[in-house]
Amino acid sequence: MGERRPLLLDLFCCAGGAGMGYHRAGFDVVGVDLERQRNYPFDFVQGDAMSPPFDLRTFDVIHASPPCQRYSVSTAVHGREGRDKHPDFVGPVREVLRASGRLWVIENVPGAPLEPPAIMLCGTMFGLRVLRHRWFESNVLLLAPAHSRHPRGMLTNSHRCYDRGESPFVCLAGHNFERREGERAIGINWMGSRRELTQSIPPAYTEFIGRQLINILARD
């Protein structure tokens, strides 16, 4: 009988971009989301991720990707009025995870109130054709690869170069990309819509983080 794989709870899981990375790193994964996720590739429970229907202490690691609308670039253009239309999930999620007593990770967009020493990951660190900067906070120290310079004139949150066809990267936003091209760019092949891709992070990010967590668990 093989050795037990550590168990990870994937909160606000969407269609499983983060969950797939953790699976590849060596975790068994259970996802929770308020919306039904028909393409989620692992065990899935539909429910409120803020009050998951589990004893959190039964998991080795908990990952949470709370809604990012409050901090997103598209919301920022509307100023404080736009931001205040969306609740702040990061603080309440952090309290839930701290109370669990387990290893945990929170993922969100640039501008979200993640606490140091959070790390930023970018597609260029993994040879992907997406930039997709995302920040990761944890109750353990995480390391990040070196961040290479973006192509000249490329702004992380601008469609300017994408729209002129001058960038080697794919912009996974709205309807500005072909689904198959987006899948190849982000490293995902099981989702059924562009909407799912726009909400996903590359599995390479959480595979990288997951391998660090596996090593930490092995030392405990």
Protein backbone atom coordinates (compact mmCIF):
# COMPACT_ATOMS: atom_id res chain seq x y z
CA MET A 1 0.00 0.00 0.00
CA GLY A 2 1.49 3.35 -1.07
CA GLU A 3 2.27 6.26 1.19
CA ARG A 4 -0.67 8.62 1.81
CA ARG A 5 -0.64 11.77 -0.30
CA PRO A 6 -1.18 14.96 1.72
CA LEU A 7 -4.66 16.45 1.46
CA LEU A 8 -5.33 19.99 0.26
CA LEU A 9 -8.56 21.98 0.48
CA ASP A 10 -9.04 24.34 -2.48
CA LEU A 11 -11.41 27.15 -1.44
CA PHE A 12 -13.07 29.39 -4.07
CA CYS A 13 -11.78 26.75 -6.47
CA CYS A 14 -13.48 27.85 -9.72
CA ALA A 15 -12.57 25.38 -12.48
CA GLY A 16 -9.37 24.12 -10.88
CA GLY A 17 -6.33 26.03 -12.16
CA ALA A 18 -4.83 26.19 -8.66
CA GLY A 19 -6.03 22.71 -7.72
CA MET A 20 -4.33 21.13 -10.73
CA GLY A 21 -0.99 22.63 -9.78
CA TYR A 22 -1.22 21.27 -6.26
CA HIS A 23 -2.23 17.86 -7.61
CA ARG A 24 0.83 17.80 -9.84
CA ALA A 25 2.97 18.72 -6.84
CA GLY A 26 1.74 15.63 -4.96
CA PHE A 27 -1.52 16.54 -3.17
CA ASP A 28 -4.94 14.98 -3.19
CA VAL A 29 -7.31 17.91 -3.72
CA VAL A 30 -10.87 18.75 -2.68
CA GLY A 31 -12.49 21.87 -4.13
CA VAL A 32 -15.23 24.10 -2.71
CA ASP A 33 -17.06 26.85 -4.57
CA LEU A 34 -20.43 28.55 -4.26
CA GLU A 35 -21.09 27.95 -7.96
CA ARG A 36 -21.29 24.50 -9.49
CA GLN A 37 -17.99 23.79 -11.25
CA ARG A 38 -18.74 21.06 -13.78
CA ASN A 39 -15.21 20.98 -15.16
CA TYR A 40 -13.41 20.84 -11.80
CA PRO A 41 -11.04 17.87 -12.22
CA PHE A 42 -11.01 16.62 -8.60
CA ASP A 43 -13.45 15.94 -5.76
CA PHE A 44 -15.81 18.92 -5.60
CA VAL A 45 -18.32 20.15 -3.01
CA GLN A 46 -20.68 23.00 -3.82
CA GLY A 47 -20.87 25.28 -0.80
CA ASP A 48 -19.83 28.51 0.88
CA ALA A 49 -16.03 28.68 0.97
CA MET A 50 -16.27 31.11 3.89
CA SER A 51 -17.97 28.35 5.91
CA PRO A 52 -16.73 25.13 4.28
CA PRO A 53 -18.61 21.95 5.26
CA PHE A 54 -15.48 20.31 6.64
CA ASP A 55 -13.37 20.17 9.75
CA LEU A 56 -10.44 22.19 8.42
CA ARG A 57 -8.08 20.32 10.73
CA THR A 58 -8.51 17.19 8.58
CA PHE A 59 -6.55 18.85 5.76
CA ASP A 60 -2.79 19.24 5.58
CA VAL A 61 -2.94 22.48 3.60
CA ILE A 62 -5.68 24.99 2.75
CA HIS A 63 -5.51 27.19 -0.34
CA ALA A 64 -7.94 30.08 -0.87
CA SER A 65 -8.45 32.27 -3.94
CA PRO A 66 -11.15 34.71 -2.71
CA PRO A 67 -12.95 36.93 -5.25
CA CYS A 68 -10.65 39.69 -6.47
CA GLN A 69 -13.11 42.22 -7.93
CA ARG A 70 -12.50 44.75 -5.14
CA TYR A 71 -8.81 45.01 -6.09
CA SER A 72 -8.85 44.36 -9.85
CA VAL A 73 -7.65 46.84 -12.47
CA SER A 74 -11.11 46.98 -14.06
CA THR A 75 -12.59 48.03 -10.72
CA ALA A 76 -9.85 50.55 -9.98
CA VAL A 77 -10.80 52.70 -12.99
CA HIS A 78 -14.07 53.47 -11.20
CA GLY A 79 -12.29 54.71 -8.08
CA ARG A 80 -13.44 54.16 -4.52
CA GLU A 81 -17.10 53.98 -5.55
CA GLY A 82 -16.38 50.99 -7.77
CA ARG A 83 -14.21 49.29 -5.15
CA ASP A 84 -16.80 49.68 -2.40
CA LYS A 85 -19.38 47.76 -4.44
CA HIS A 86 -17.36 44.60 -3.79
CA PRO A 87 -16.74 43.09 -0.33
CA ASP A 88 -13.27 42.59 1.12
CA PHE A 89 -12.81 38.83 1.36
CA VAL A 90 -9.10 38.71 2.09
CA GLY A 91 -9.21 39.73 5.75
CA PRO A 92 -12.08 37.41 6.75
CA VAL A 93 -10.54 34.50 4.81
CA ARG A 94 -7.22 35.05 6.56
CA GLU A 95 -8.91 34.80 9.95
CA VAL A 96 -10.59 31.51 8.97
CA LEU A 97 -7.29 30.06 7.81
CA ARG A 98 -5.36 31.23 10.86
CA ALA A 99 -7.95 29.62 13.13
CA SER A 100 -7.53 26.28 11.32
CA GLY A 101 -4.03 25.71 12.66
CA ARG A 102 -2.98 24.24 9.28
CA LEU A 103 -0.57 25.37 6.57
CA TRP A 104 -2.37 27.83 4.31
CA VAL A 105 -1.99 30.00 1.22
CA ILE A 106 -4.08 32.95 0.00
CA GLU A 107 -3.87 33.95 -3.68
CA ASN A 108 -5.00 37.23 -5.17
CA VAL A 109 -4.32 39.98 -7.70
CA PRO A 110 -1.86 42.89 -7.42
CA GLY A 111 -3.33 45.51 -5.13
CA ALA A 112 -5.03 43.03 -2.79
CA PRO A 113 -4.13 43.52 0.90
CA LEU A 114 -1.90 40.47 1.24
CA GLU A 115 0.62 40.67 4.07
CA PRO A 116 4.39 40.28 3.76
CA PRO A 117 6.33 38.23 3.01
CA ALA A 118 3.87 37.46 0.20
CA ILE A 119 5.46 36.47 -3.12
CA MET A 120 4.52 37.43 -6.67
CA LEU A 121 4.52 34.91 -9.53
CA CYS A 122 4.45 35.71 -13.26
CA GLY A 123 4.10 33.52 -16.32
CA THR A 124 7.57 34.54 -17.52
CA MET A 125 9.02 32.65 -14.54
CA PHE A 126 7.66 29.39 -15.98
CA GLY A 127 8.05 29.92 -19.72
CA LEU A 128 4.32 30.60 -20.23
CA ARG A 129 2.72 32.92 -22.78
CA VAL A 130 0.76 34.77 -20.11
CA LEU A 131 2.00 37.42 -17.69
CA ARG A 132 -0.84 37.08 -15.14
CA HIS A 133 0.86 38.44 -12.02
CA ARG A 134 -0.56 36.90 -8.87
CA TRP A 135 0.40 37.29 -5.21
CA PHE A 136 0.55 34.50 -2.63
CA GLU A 137 0.51 34.96 1.14
CA SER A 138 1.20 32.06 3.49
CA ASN A 139 1.86 31.29 7.14
CA VAL A 140 5.16 29.72 6.03
CA LEU A 141 7.99 31.30 4.09
CA LEU A 142 7.61 30.80 0.33
CA LEU A 143 10.30 31.47 -2.27
CA ALA A 144 9.83 32.84 -5.78
CA PRO A 145 11.93 32.46 -8.95
CA ALA A 146 13.72 35.43 -10.47
CA HIS A 147 11.38 37.73 -12.41
CA SER A 148 12.75 38.51 -15.86
CA ARG A 149 12.05 41.81 -17.56
CA HIS A 150 8.90 41.96 -19.67
CA PRO A 151 9.15 42.71 -23.39
CA ARG A 152 9.81 46.37 -24.08
CA GLY A 153 6.62 48.41 -24.08
CA MET A 154 4.57 45.65 -22.45
CA LEU A 155 2.56 46.81 -19.46
CA THR A 156 1.32 44.08 -17.13
CA ASN A 157 -2.25 45.37 -16.98
CA SER A 158 -2.59 46.98 -20.42
CA HIS A 159 -4.11 45.58 -23.60
CA ARG A 160 -2.19 48.05 -25.78
CA CYS A 161 0.48 45.69 -27.09
CA TYR A 162 -1.87 42.71 -27.13
CA ASP A 163 -4.34 44.57 -29.31
CA ARG A 164 -1.69 45.65 -31.83
CA GLY A 165 -0.41 42.08 -32.09
CA GLU A 166 3.06 43.10 -30.93
CA SER A 167 3.31 40.81 -27.93
CA PRO A 168 4.24 37.13 -27.68
CA PHE A 169 1.81 36.86 -24.76
CA VAL A 170 -1.91 36.11 -24.69
CA CYS A 171 -4.23 38.42 -22.74
CA LEU A 172 -6.75 36.20 -20.95
CA ALA A 173 -9.40 38.84 -20.38
CA GLY A 174 -12.97 39.08 -21.57
CA HIS A 175 -13.35 37.88 -25.17
CA ASN A 176 -9.96 39.11 -26.39
CA PHE A 177 -8.53 35.65 -27.10
CA GLU A 178 -9.24 32.32 -28.76
CA ARG A 179 -9.99 29.60 -26.22
CA ARG A 180 -7.51 27.06 -27.63
CA GLU A 181 -4.74 29.63 -27.74
CA GLY A 182 -5.54 30.68 -24.18
CA GLU A 183 -5.42 27.06 -23.01
CA ARG A 184 -1.98 26.56 -24.51
CA ALA A 185 -0.71 29.85 -23.13
CA ILE A 186 -1.75 29.17 -19.54
CA GLY A 187 -1.13 25.41 -19.48
CA ILE A 188 -4.74 24.22 -19.09
CA ASN A 189 -6.61 21.67 -21.25
CA TRP A 190 -9.73 20.60 -19.32
CA MET A 191 -11.86 23.75 -19.12
CA GLY A 192 -14.80 24.36 -21.39
CA SER A 193 -15.03 28.13 -21.72
CA ARG A 194 -13.07 31.36 -21.97
CA ARG A 195 -14.78 32.55 -18.80
CA GLU A 196 -13.19 29.71 -16.83
CA LEU A 197 -9.78 30.57 -18.28
CA THR A 198 -10.10 34.26 -17.38
CA GLN A 199 -10.70 33.27 -13.75
CA SER A 200 -7.83 30.78 -13.54
CA ILE A 201 -4.23 30.97 -12.47
CA PRO A 202 -1.64 28.85 -14.29
CA PRO A 203 -1.21 25.44 -12.62
CA ALA A 204 2.55 26.01 -12.83
CA TYR A 205 2.22 28.61 -10.05
CA THR A 206 0.69 26.30 -7.47
CA GLU A 207 2.77 23.34 -8.57
CA PHE A 208 5.82 25.45 -7.71
CA ILE A 209 4.32 26.47 -4.35
CA GLY A 210 2.98 22.98 -3.68
CA ARG A 211 6.41 21.39 -3.96
CA GLN A 212 7.67 23.80 -1.30
CA LEU A 213 4.74 22.87 0.96
CA ILE A 214 5.34 19.15 0.41
CA ASN A 215 8.92 19.61 1.62
CA ILE A 216 7.74 21.54 4.68
CA LEU A 217 5.22 18.81 5.56
CA ALA A 218 7.91 16.15 5.16
CA ARG A 219 10.07 17.91 7.73
CA ASP A 220 7.28 18.12 10.34
